[in-house]
Structures are given as structure tokens and as C-alpha cells.
Amino acid sequence: MYECNVENKKLINRINRIAGQVNALKTKLSNDIECENTQEPYEVIRQLTAIKGAVNGMINSYVEHFAKGHLVKEIRDAKDESSAMAQMDSLVDIMKSFSK
């Protein structure tokens, strides 16, 4: 349980950093309604890319934590092979949708 709490705190910290990035971008866009600065699109794209990278990194961390902890336990506790395979199939489906 301790390890899960530590991992959740790390995820919450990441979410807070991502929220800060999103809020900074929102403020930037709100303050530049006229779109007068020709360099702005590049800065916005850079910030959006940073946000996307942060979200992808968080997803990877969460999936790793889930697979190493909860999924391994669920597979060990599975009463039969089909139940274990169903757990693996669910994870694979999630990973496929993430990569789209």
C-alpha cells in the first residue's frame, strides 16, 4: 500500500505541473487575443508539444506502475489462464488506443 501511495503522490505532482503548463498557455492565449506577434505561433506550438510530452510521460509512468504492481498480482491471483489473458488483453487494448 505504501508504494501505491508514493506512486499516486508522484502522479498528482505531475498532474499539477501539467496543469501549470496548461494554465500558462491559457494565460498567454488570453493576453494575445489580437495575434499581433508573428513569433507567437511557434511559442504556442512549443508549449503544446511540451504539454503533450508531459501527458505521455505520465501515462507511461502510470502504465508501468500498474503493470508491475496491480496487473502482476491480478494475474497471479487469477483462477485460470483465460482470466489472466483477459487482464493482459485489457492492458494491450489500452496501449493500442494510447498509441493512436
PDB file of N, CA and C in Angstrom:
ATOM      1  N   MET A   1       0.819  -1.198   0.000  1.00  0.00           N
ATOM      2  CA  MET A   1       0.000   0.000   0.000  1.00  0.00           C
ATOM      3  C   MET A   1       0.859   1.256   0.000  1.00  0.00           C
ATOM      4  N   TYR A   2       1.992   1.205   0.738  1.00  0.00           N
ATOM      5  CA  TYR A   2       2.874   2.366   0.806  1.00  0.00           C
ATOM      6  C   TYR A   2       3.363   2.755  -0.585  1.00  0.00           C
ATOM      7  N   GLU A   3       3.811   1.751  -1.350  1.00  0.00           N
ATOM      8  CA  GLU A   3       4.334   2.028  -2.691  1.00  0.00           C
ATOM      9  C   GLU A   3       3.270   2.670  -3.575  1.00  0.00           C
ATOM     10  N   CYS A   4       2.037   2.216  -3.445  1.00  0.00           N
ATOM     11  CA  CYS A   4       0.934   2.776  -4.233  1.00  0.00           C
ATOM     12  C   CYS A   4       0.701   4.240  -3.847  1.00  0.00           C
ATOM     13  N   ASN A   5       0.753   4.542  -2.565  1.00  0.00           N
ATOM     14  CA  ASN A   5       0.567   5.927  -2.112  1.00  0.00           C
ATOM     15  C   ASN A   5       1.672   6.837  -2.639  1.00  0.00           C
ATOM     16  N   VAL A   6       2.905   6.341  -2.616  1.00  0.00           N
ATOM     17  CA  VAL A   6       4.037   7.123  -3.123  1.00  0.00           C
ATOM     18  C   VAL A   6       3.851   7.376  -4.612  1.00  0.00           C
ATOM     19  N   GLU A   7       3.468   6.341  -5.351  1.00  0.00           N
ATOM     20  CA  GLU A   7       3.273   6.494  -6.797  1.00  0.00           C
ATOM     21  C   GLU A   7       2.134   7.470  -7.087  1.00  0.00           C
ATOM     22  N   ASN A   8       1.053   7.385  -6.329  1.00  0.00           N
ATOM     23  CA  ASN A   8      -0.062   8.316  -6.527  1.00  0.00           C
ATOM     24  C   ASN A   8       0.363   9.757  -6.260  1.00  0.00           C
ATOM     25  N   LYS A   9       1.187   9.971  -5.244  1.00  0.00           N
ATOM     26  CA  LYS A   9       1.679  11.324  -4.965  1.00  0.00           C
ATOM     27  C   LYS A   9       2.532  11.842  -6.121  1.00  0.00           C
ATOM     28  N   LYS A  10       3.357  10.956  -6.695  1.00  0.00           N
ATOM     29  CA  LYS A  10       4.165  11.356  -7.849  1.00  0.00           C
ATOM     30  C   LYS A  10       3.269  11.744  -9.024  1.00  0.00           C
ATOM     31  N   LEU A  11       2.221  10.956  -9.250  1.00  0.00           N
ATOM     32  CA  LEU A  11       1.299  11.257 -10.349  1.00  0.00           C
ATOM     33  C   LEU A  11       0.572  12.578 -10.111  1.00  0.00           C
ATOM     34  N   ILE A  12       0.159  12.817  -8.892  1.00  0.00           N
ATOM     35  CA  ILE A  12      -0.522  14.079  -8.568  1.00  0.00           C
ATOM     36  C   ILE A  12       0.422  15.261  -8.791  1.00  0.00           C
ATOM     37  N   ASN A  13       1.691  15.102  -8.400  1.00  0.00           N
ATOM     38  CA  ASN A  13       2.671  16.169  -8.651  1.00  0.00           C
ATOM     39  C   ASN A  13       2.823  16.432 -10.145  1.00  0.00           C
ATOM     40  N   ARG A  14       2.844  15.364 -10.939  1.00  0.00           N
ATOM     41  CA  ARG A  14       2.950  15.535 -12.395  1.00  0.00           C
ATOM     42  C   ARG A  14       1.719  16.242 -12.943  1.00  0.00           C
ATOM     43  N   ILE A  15       0.551  15.850 -12.458  1.00  0.00           N
ATOM     44  CA  ILE A  15      -0.686  16.497 -12.911  1.00  0.00           C
ATOM     45  C   ILE A  15      -0.647  17.984 -12.579  1.00  0.00           C
ATOM     46  N   ASN A  16      -0.170  18.320 -11.397  1.00  0.00           N
ATOM     47  CA  ASN A  16      -0.085  19.731 -11.010  1.00  0.00           C
ATOM     48  C   ASN A  16       0.863  20.510 -11.923  1.00  0.00           C
ATOM     49  N   ARG A  17       1.992  19.886 -12.295  1.00  0.00           N
ATOM     50  CA  ARG A  17       2.920  20.558 -13.216  1.00  0.00           C
ATOM     51  C   ARG A  17       2.274  20.741 -14.588  1.00  0.00           C
ATOM     52  N   ILE A  18       1.572  19.711 -15.055  1.00  0.00           N
ATOM     53  CA  ILE A  18       0.893  19.811 -16.352  1.00  0.00           C
ATOM     54  C   ILE A  18      -0.185  20.889 -16.294  1.00  0.00           C
ATOM     55  N   ALA A  19      -0.925  20.935 -15.200  1.00  0.00           N
ATOM     56  CA  ALA A  19      -1.956  21.971 -15.044  1.00  0.00           C
ATOM     57  C   ALA A  19      -1.322  23.356 -15.089  1.00  0.00           C
ATOM     58  N   GLY A  20      -0.147  23.495 -14.497  1.00  0.00           N
ATOM     59  CA  GLY A  20       0.562  24.769 -14.557  1.00  0.00           C
ATOM     60  C   GLY A  20       0.937  25.139 -15.979  1.00  0.00           C
ATOM     61  N   GLN A  21       1.392  24.152 -16.750  1.00  0.00           N
ATOM     62  CA  GLN A  21       1.729  24.409 -18.155  1.00  0.00           C
ATOM     63  C   GLN A  21       0.489  24.826 -18.941  1.00  0.00           C
ATOM     64  N   VAL A  22      -0.617  24.123 -18.721  1.00  0.00           N
ATOM     65  CA  VAL A  22      -1.862  24.434 -19.435  1.00  0.00           C
ATOM     66  C   VAL A  22      -2.351  25.826 -19.052  1.00  0.00           C
ATOM     67  N   ASN A  23      -2.309  26.149 -17.774  1.00  0.00           N
ATOM     68  CA  ASN A  23      -2.755  27.474 -17.329  1.00  0.00           C
ATOM     69  C   ASN A  23      -1.870  28.587 -17.887  1.00  0.00           C
ATOM     70  N   ALA A  24      -0.558  28.341 -17.971  1.00  0.00           N
ATOM     71  CA  ALA A  24       0.344  29.341 -18.550  1.00  0.00           C
ATOM     72  C   ALA A  24       0.012  29.570 -20.022  1.00  0.00           C
ATOM     73  N   LEU A  25      -0.286  28.499 -20.734  1.00  0.00           N
ATOM     74  CA  LEU A  25      -0.654  28.631 -22.144  1.00  0.00           C
ATOM     75  C   LEU A  25      -1.989  29.352 -22.291  1.00  0.00           C
ATOM     76  N   LYS A  26      -2.929  29.032 -21.422  1.00  0.00           N
ATOM     77  CA  LYS A  26      -4.235  29.701 -21.454  1.00  0.00           C
ATOM     78  C   LYS A  26      -4.063  31.202 -21.226  1.00  0.00           C
ATOM     79  N   THR A  27      -3.241  31.567 -20.262  1.00  0.00           N
ATOM     80  CA  THR A  27      -2.981  32.980 -19.975  1.00  0.00           C
ATOM     81  C   THR A  27      -2.326  33.655 -21.171  1.00  0.00           C
ATOM     82  N   LYS A  28      -1.358  32.979 -21.757  1.00  0.00           N
ATOM     83  CA  LYS A  28      -0.667  33.535 -22.927  1.00  0.00           C
ATOM     84  C   LYS A  28      -1.656  33.794 -24.057  1.00  0.00           C
ATOM     85  N   LEU A  29      -2.527  32.835 -24.332  1.00  0.00           N
ATOM     86  CA  LEU A  29      -3.505  32.993 -25.411  1.00  0.00           C
ATOM     87  C   LEU A  29      -4.537  34.066 -25.066  1.00  0.00           C
ATOM     88  N   SER A  30      -4.932  34.134 -23.814  1.00  0.00           N
ATOM     89  CA  SER A  30      -5.908  35.144 -23.393  1.00  0.00           C
ATOM     90  C   SER A  30      -5.344  36.552 -23.506  1.00  0.00           C
ATOM     91  N   ASN A  31      -4.059  36.701 -23.236  1.00  0.00           N
ATOM     92  CA  ASN A  31      -3.418  38.017 -23.289  1.00  0.00           C
ATOM     93  C   ASN A  31      -3.054  38.445 -24.706  1.00  0.00           C
ATOM     94  N   ASP A  32      -3.119  37.528 -25.642  1.00  0.00           N
ATOM     95  CA  ASP A  32      -2.729  37.844 -27.021  1.00  0.00           C
ATOM     96  C   ASP A  32      -3.897  37.590 -27.975  1.00  0.00           C
ATOM     97  N   ILE A  33      -5.047  38.129 -27.648  1.00  0.00           N
ATOM     98  CA  ILE A  33      -6.252  37.937 -28.455  1.00  0.00           C
ATOM     99  C   ILE A  33      -6.064  38.467 -29.875  1.00  0.00           C
ATOM    100  N   GLU A  34      -5.320  39.555 -30.027  1.00  0.00           N
ATOM    101  CA  GLU A  34      -5.145  40.190 -31.340  1.00  0.00           C
ATOM    102  C   GLU A  34      -4.195  39.420 -32.255  1.00  0.00           C
ATOM    103  N   CYS A  35      -3.409  38.490 -31.706  1.00  0.00           N
ATOM    104  CA  CYS A  35      -2.450  37.699 -32.501  1.00  0.00           C
ATOM    105  C   CYS A  35      -1.510  38.591 -33.307  1.00  0.00           C
ATOM    106  N   GLU A  36      -0.987  39.624 -32.677  1.00  0.00           N
ATOM    107  CA  GLU A  36      -0.143  40.587 -33.383  1.00  0.00           C
ATOM    108  C   GLU A  36       1.303  40.122 -33.532  1.00  0.00           C
ATOM    109  N   ASN A  37       1.782  39.308 -32.625  1.00  0.00           N
ATOM    110  CA  ASN A  37       3.183  38.900 -32.648  1.00  0.00           C
ATOM    111  C   ASN A  37       3.350  37.676 -33.551  1.00  0.00           C
ATOM    112  N   THR A  38       4.146  37.818 -34.615  1.00  0.00           N
ATOM    113  CA  THR A  38       4.303  36.722 -35.577  1.00  0.00           C
ATOM    114  C   THR A  38       5.078  35.539 -35.007  1.00  0.00           C
ATOM    115  N   GLN A  39       5.816  35.726 -33.918  1.00  0.00           N
ATOM    116  CA  GLN A  39       6.551  34.624 -33.303  1.00  0.00           C
ATOM    117  C   GLN A  39       5.660  33.775 -32.392  1.00  0.00           C
ATOM    118  N   GLU A  40       4.502  34.290 -32.039  1.00  0.00           N
ATOM    119  CA  GLU A  40       3.619  33.598 -31.104  1.00  0.00           C
ATOM    120  C   GLU A  40       3.239  32.179 -31.526  1.00  0.00           C
ATOM    121  N   PRO A  41       2.911  31.927 -32.796  1.00  0.00           N
ATOM    122  CA  PRO A  41       2.514  30.555 -33.149  1.00  0.00           C
ATOM    123  C   PRO A  41       3.588  29.527 -32.801  1.00  0.00           C
ATOM    124  N   TYR A  42       4.852  29.883 -32.975  1.00  0.00           N
ATOM    125  CA  TYR A  42       5.923  28.944 -32.663  1.00  0.00           C
ATOM    126  C   TYR A  42       6.007  28.679 -31.163  1.00  0.00           C
ATOM    127  N   GLU A  43       5.814  29.710 -30.380  1.00  0.00           N
ATOM    128  CA  GLU A  43       5.834  29.547 -28.923  1.00  0.00           C
ATOM    129  C   GLU A  43       4.652  28.699 -28.464  1.00  0.00           C
ATOM    130  N   VAL A  44       3.485  28.925 -29.035  1.00  0.00           N
ATOM    131  CA  VAL A  44       2.294  28.143 -28.671  1.00  0.00           C
ATOM    132  C   VAL A  44       2.507  26.681 -29.043  1.00  0.00           C
ATOM    133  N   ILE A  45       3.041  26.437 -30.227  1.00  0.00           N
ATOM    134  CA  ILE A  45       3.306  25.057 -30.651  1.00  0.00           C
ATOM    135  C   ILE A  45       4.316  24.402 -29.720  1.00  0.00           C
ATOM    136  N   ARG A  46       5.355  25.142 -29.329  1.00  0.00           N
ATOM    137  CA  ARG A  46       6.353  24.606 -28.406  1.00  0.00           C
ATOM    138  C   ARG A  46       5.715  24.229 -27.071  1.00  0.00           C
ATOM    139  N   GLN A  47       4.856  25.102 -26.560  1.00  0.00           N
ATOM    140  CA  GLN A  47       4.201  24.824 -25.284  1.00  0.00           C
ATOM    141  C   GLN A  47       3.235  23.643 -25.396  1.00  0.00           C
ATOM    142  N   LEU A  48       2.489  23.570 -26.497  1.00  0.00           N
ATOM    143  CA  LEU A  48       1.580  22.435 -26.697  1.00  0.00           C
ATOM    144  C   LEU A  48       2.351  21.120 -26.774  1.00  0.00           C
ATOM    145  N   THR A  49       3.488  21.151 -27.445  1.00  0.00           N
ATOM    146  CA  THR A  49       4.318  19.953 -27.554  1.00  0.00           C
ATOM    147  C   THR A  49       4.855  19.538 -26.187  1.00  0.00           C
ATOM    148  N   ALA A  50       5.237  20.504 -25.379  1.00  0.00           N
ATOM    149  CA  ALA A  50       5.715  20.208 -24.027  1.00  0.00           C
ATOM    150  C   ALA A  50       4.607  19.588 -23.184  1.00  0.00           C
ATOM    151  N   ILE A  51       3.404  20.109 -23.308  1.00  0.00           N
ATOM    152  CA  ILE A  51       2.262  19.560 -22.564  1.00  0.00           C
ATOM    153  C   ILE A  51       1.982  18.132 -23.010  1.00  0.00           C
ATOM    154  N   LYS A  52       1.989  17.918 -24.314  1.00  0.00           N
ATOM    155  CA  LYS A  52       1.750  16.571 -24.848  1.00  0.00           C
ATOM    156  C   LYS A  52       2.809  15.596 -24.332  1.00  0.00           C
ATOM    157  N   GLY A  53       4.073  16.014 -24.339  1.00  0.00           N
ATOM    158  CA  GLY A  53       5.147  15.163 -23.837  1.00  0.00           C
ATOM    159  C   GLY A  53       4.980  14.841 -22.361  1.00  0.00           C
ATOM    160  N   ALA A  54       4.562  15.829 -21.588  1.00  0.00           N
ATOM    161  CA  ALA A  54       4.351  15.613 -20.155  1.00  0.00           C
ATOM    162  C   ALA A  54       3.210  14.632 -19.910  1.00  0.00           C
ATOM    163  N   VAL A  55       2.130  14.764 -20.666  1.00  0.00           N
ATOM    164  CA  VAL A  55       0.993  13.843 -20.518  1.00  0.00           C
ATOM    165  C   VAL A  55       1.412  12.434 -20.933  1.00  0.00           C
ATOM    166  N   ASN A  56       2.115  12.304 -22.052  1.00  0.00           N
ATOM    167  CA  ASN A  56       2.572  10.984 -22.494  1.00  0.00           C
ATOM    168  C   ASN A  56       3.492  10.344 -21.463  1.00  0.00           C
ATOM    169  N   GLY A  57       4.388  11.129 -20.884  1.00  0.00           N
ATOM    170  CA  GLY A  57       5.272  10.613 -19.848  1.00  0.00           C
ATOM    171  C   GLY A  57       4.506  10.134 -18.628  1.00  0.00           C
ATOM    172  N   MET A  58       3.479  10.876 -18.256  1.00  0.00           N
ATOM    173  CA  MET A  58       2.663  10.481 -17.114  1.00  0.00           C
ATOM    174  C   MET A  58       1.915   9.184 -17.408  1.00  0.00           C
ATOM    175  N   ILE A  59       1.390   9.061 -18.613  1.00  0.00           N
ATOM    176  CA  ILE A  59       0.689   7.831 -18.990  1.00  0.00           C
ATOM    177  C   ILE A  59       1.653   6.650 -18.927  1.00  0.00           C
ATOM    178  N   ASN A  60       2.852   6.817 -19.463  1.00  0.00           N
ATOM    179  CA  ASN A  60       3.838   5.737 -19.426  1.00  0.00           C
ATOM    180  C   ASN A  60       4.172   5.335 -17.994  1.00  0.00           C
ATOM    181  N   SER A  61       4.355   6.305 -17.119  1.00  0.00           N
ATOM    182  CA  SER A  61       4.658   6.012 -15.712  1.00  0.00           C
ATOM    183  C   SER A  61       3.518   5.254 -15.051  1.00  0.00           C
ATOM    184  N   TYR A  62       2.292   5.686 -15.323  1.00  0.00           N
ATOM    185  CA  TYR A  62       1.141   5.027 -14.712  1.00  0.00           C
ATOM    186  C   TYR A  62       0.999   3.593 -15.215  1.00  0.00           C
ATOM    187  N   VAL A  63       1.149   3.387 -16.510  1.00  0.00           N
ATOM    188  CA  VAL A  63       1.028   2.036 -17.068  1.00  0.00           C
ATOM    189  C   VAL A  63       2.114   1.134 -16.493  1.00  0.00           C
ATOM    190  N   GLU A  64       3.331   1.649 -16.374  1.00  0.00           N
ATOM    191  CA  GLU A  64       4.417   0.861 -15.793  1.00  0.00           C
ATOM    192  C   GLU A  64       4.096   0.474 -14.352  1.00  0.00           C
ATOM    193  N   HIS A  65       3.643   1.433 -13.566  1.00  0.00           N
ATOM    194  CA  HIS A  65       3.275   1.161 -12.172  1.00  0.00           C
ATOM    195  C   HIS A  65       2.154   0.127 -12.109  1.00  0.00           C
ATOM    196  N   PHE A  66       1.144   0.290 -12.942  1.00  0.00           N
ATOM    197  CA  PHE A  66       0.020  -0.638 -12.965  1.00  0.00           C
ATOM    198  C   PHE A  66       0.482  -2.041 -13.347  1.00  0.00           C
ATOM    199  N   ALA A  67       1.299  -2.139 -14.404  1.00  0.00           N
ATOM    200  CA  ALA A  67       1.734  -3.448 -14.887  1.00  0.00           C
ATOM    201  C   ALA A  67       2.614  -4.160 -13.859  1.00  0.00           C
ATOM    202  N   LYS A  68       3.531  -3.434 -13.237  1.00  0.00           N
ATOM    203  CA  LYS A  68       4.448  -4.055 -12.282  1.00  0.00           C
ATOM    204  C   LYS A  68       3.782  -4.407 -10.962  1.00  0.00           C
ATOM    205  N   GLY A  69       2.746  -3.706 -10.620  1.00  0.00           N
ATOM    206  CA  GLY A  69       2.097  -3.946  -9.332  1.00  0.00           C
ATOM    207  C   GLY A  69       0.782  -4.666  -9.456  1.00  0.00           C
ATOM    208  N   HIS A  70      -0.231  -3.936  -9.807  1.00  0.00           N
ATOM    209  CA  HIS A  70      -1.593  -4.462  -9.805  1.00  0.00           C
ATOM    210  C   HIS A  70      -1.796  -5.582 -10.815  1.00  0.00           C
ATOM    211  N   LEU A  71      -1.308  -5.418 -12.026  1.00  0.00           N
ATOM    212  CA  LEU A  71      -1.546  -6.421 -13.061  1.00  0.00           C
ATOM    213  C   LEU A  71      -0.865  -7.740 -12.721  1.00  0.00           C
ATOM    214  N   VAL A  72       0.374  -7.681 -12.241  1.00  0.00           N
ATOM    215  CA  VAL A  72       1.080  -8.906 -11.856  1.00  0.00           C
ATOM    216  C   VAL A  72       0.309  -9.631 -10.761  1.00  0.00           C
ATOM    217  N   LYS A  73      -0.177  -8.894  -9.775  1.00  0.00           N
ATOM    218  CA  LYS A  73      -0.956  -9.507  -8.688  1.00  0.00           C
ATOM    219  C   LYS A  73      -2.245 -10.121  -9.224  1.00  0.00           C
ATOM    220  N   GLU A  74      -2.943  -9.405 -10.091  1.00  0.00           N
ATOM    221  CA  GLU A  74      -4.194  -9.924 -10.638  1.00  0.00           C
ATOM    222  C   GLU A  74      -3.960 -11.191 -11.451  1.00  0.00           C
ATOM    223  N   ILE A  75      -2.859 -11.229 -12.189  1.00  0.00           N
ATOM    224  CA  ILE A  75      -2.557 -12.426 -12.985  1.00  0.00           C
ATOM    225  C   ILE A  75      -2.198 -13.588 -12.069  1.00  0.00           C
ATOM    226  N   ARG A  76      -1.405 -13.334 -11.036  1.00  0.00           N
ATOM    227  CA  ARG A  76      -1.070 -14.397 -10.074  1.00  0.00           C
ATOM    228  C   ARG A  76      -2.313 -14.945  -9.387  1.00  0.00           C
ATOM    229  N   ASP A  77      -3.235 -14.055  -9.052  1.00  0.00           N
ATOM    230  CA  ASP A  77      -4.442 -14.462  -8.334  1.00  0.00           C
ATOM    231  C   ASP A  77      -5.523 -15.032  -9.250  1.00  0.00           C
ATOM    232  N   ALA A  78      -5.305 -14.973 -10.553  1.00  0.00           N
ATOM    233  CA  ALA A  78      -6.320 -15.460 -11.496  1.00  0.00           C
ATOM    234  C   ALA A  78      -6.546 -16.954 -11.287  1.00  0.00           C
ATOM    235  N   LYS A  79      -7.799 -17.338 -11.360  1.00  0.00           N
ATOM    236  CA  LYS A  79      -8.150 -18.737 -11.129  1.00  0.00           C
ATOM    237  C   LYS A  79      -7.831 -19.614 -12.340  1.00  0.00           C
ATOM    238  N   ASP A  80      -7.790 -19.024 -13.506  1.00  0.00           N
ATOM    239  CA  ASP A  80      -7.467 -19.798 -14.701  1.00  0.00           C
ATOM    240  C   ASP A  80      -6.710 -18.927 -15.704  1.00  0.00           C
ATOM    241  N   GLU A  81      -6.178 -19.574 -16.708  1.00  0.00           N
ATOM    242  CA  GLU A  81      -5.374 -18.871 -17.707  1.00  0.00           C
ATOM    243  C   GLU A  81      -6.191 -17.858 -18.499  1.00  0.00           C
ATOM    244  N   SER A  82      -7.453 -18.170 -18.768  1.00  0.00           N
ATOM    245  CA  SER A  82      -8.272 -17.246 -19.560  1.00  0.00           C
ATOM    246  C   SER A  82      -8.509 -15.933 -18.814  1.00  0.00           C
ATOM    247  N   SER A  83      -8.626 -16.000 -17.504  1.00  0.00           N
ATOM    248  CA  SER A  83      -8.794 -14.790 -16.706  1.00  0.00           C
ATOM    249  C   SER A  83      -7.523 -13.931 -16.763  1.00  0.00           C
ATOM    250  N   ALA A  84      -6.370 -14.579 -16.674  1.00  0.00           N
ATOM    251  CA  ALA A  84      -5.097 -13.862 -16.766  1.00  0.00           C
ATOM    252  C   ALA A  84      -4.934 -13.241 -18.151  1.00  0.00           C
ATOM    253  N   MET A  85      -5.306 -13.980 -19.176  1.00  0.00           N
ATOM    254  CA  MET A  85      -5.201 -13.459 -20.542  1.00  0.00           C
ATOM    255  C   MET A  85      -6.145 -12.279 -20.748  1.00  0.00           C
ATOM    256  N   ALA A  86      -7.310 -12.318 -20.132  1.00  0.00           N
ATOM    257  CA  ALA A  86      -8.255 -11.200 -20.241  1.00  0.00           C
ATOM    258  C   ALA A  86      -7.641  -9.934 -19.655  1.00  0.00           C
ATOM    259  N   GLN A  87      -6.929 -10.063 -18.541  1.00  0.00           N
ATOM    260  CA  GLN A  87      -6.250  -8.915 -17.935  1.00  0.00           C
ATOM    261  C   GLN A  87      -5.186  -8.355 -18.880  1.00  0.00           C
ATOM    262  N   MET A  88      -4.409  -9.249 -19.478  1.00  0.00           N
ATOM    263  CA  MET A  88      -3.373  -8.808 -20.419  1.00  0.00           C
ATOM    264  C   MET A  88      -3.994  -8.161 -21.654  1.00  0.00           C
ATOM    265  N   ASP A  89      -5.073  -8.747 -22.155  1.00  0.00           N
ATOM    266  CA  ASP A  89      -5.750  -8.185 -23.325  1.00  0.00           C
ATOM    267  C   ASP A  89      -6.258  -6.774 -23.046  1.00  0.00           C
ATOM    268  N   SER A  90      -6.768  -6.561 -21.843  1.00  0.00           N
ATOM    269  CA  SER A  90      -7.248  -5.223 -21.473  1.00  0.00           C
ATOM    270  C   SER A  90      -6.114  -4.205 -21.512  1.00  0.00           C
ATOM    271  N   LEU A  91      -4.961  -4.581 -20.974  1.00  0.00           N
ATOM    272  CA  LEU A  91      -3.808  -3.680 -20.988  1.00  0.00           C
ATOM    273  C   LEU A  91      -3.351  -3.409 -22.420  1.00  0.00           C
ATOM    274  N   VAL A  92      -3.308  -4.438 -23.239  1.00  0.00           N
ATOM    275  CA  VAL A  92      -2.889  -4.269 -24.635  1.00  0.00           C
ATOM    276  C   VAL A  92      -3.854  -3.342 -25.368  1.00  0.00           C
ATOM    277  N   ASP A  93      -5.148  -3.498 -25.133  1.00  0.00           N
ATOM    278  CA  ASP A  93      -6.142  -2.620 -25.768  1.00  0.00           C
ATOM    279  C   ASP A  93      -5.932  -1.161 -25.374  1.00  0.00           C
ATOM    280  N   ILE A  94      -5.659  -0.933 -24.097  1.00  0.00           N
ATOM    281  CA  ILE A  94      -5.409   0.427 -23.624  1.00  0.00           C
ATOM    282  C   ILE A  94      -4.165   0.996 -24.303  1.00  0.00           C
ATOM    283  N   MET A  95      -3.109   0.202 -24.393  1.00  0.00           N
ATOM    284  CA  MET A  95      -1.871   0.671 -25.017  1.00  0.00           C
ATOM    285  C   MET A  95      -2.077   0.964 -26.504  1.00  0.00           C
ATOM    286  N   LYS A  96      -2.882   0.151 -27.172  1.00  0.00           N
ATOM    287  CA  LYS A  96      -3.164   0.403 -28.590  1.00  0.00           C
ATOM    288  C   LYS A  96      -3.909   1.719 -28.769  1.00  0.00           C
ATOM    289  N   SER A  97      -4.888   1.976 -27.918  1.00  0.00           N
ATOM    290  CA  SER A  97      -5.646   3.224 -28.051  1.00  0.00           C
ATOM    291  C   SER A  97      -4.772   4.429 -27.711  1.00  0.00           C
ATOM    292  N   PHE A  98      -3.837   4.270 -26.802  1.00  0.00           N
ATOM    293  CA  PHE A  98      -2.930   5.351 -26.425  1.00  0.00           C
ATOM    294  C   PHE A  98      -2.006   5.720 -27.579  1.00  0.00           C
ATOM    295  N   SER A  99      -1.589   4.726 -28.345  1.00  0.00           N
ATOM    296  CA  SER A  99      -0.614   4.989 -29.405  1.00  0.00           C
ATOM    297  C   SER A  99      -1.224   5.604 -30.656  1.00  0.00           C
ATOM    298  N   LYS A 100      -2.536   5.728 -30.708  1.00  0.00           N
ATOM    299  CA  LYS A 100      -3.192   6.311 -31.890  1.00  0.00           C
ATOM    300  C   LYS A 100      -3.021   7.805 -31.926  1.00  0.00           C
TER     301      LYS A 100
END
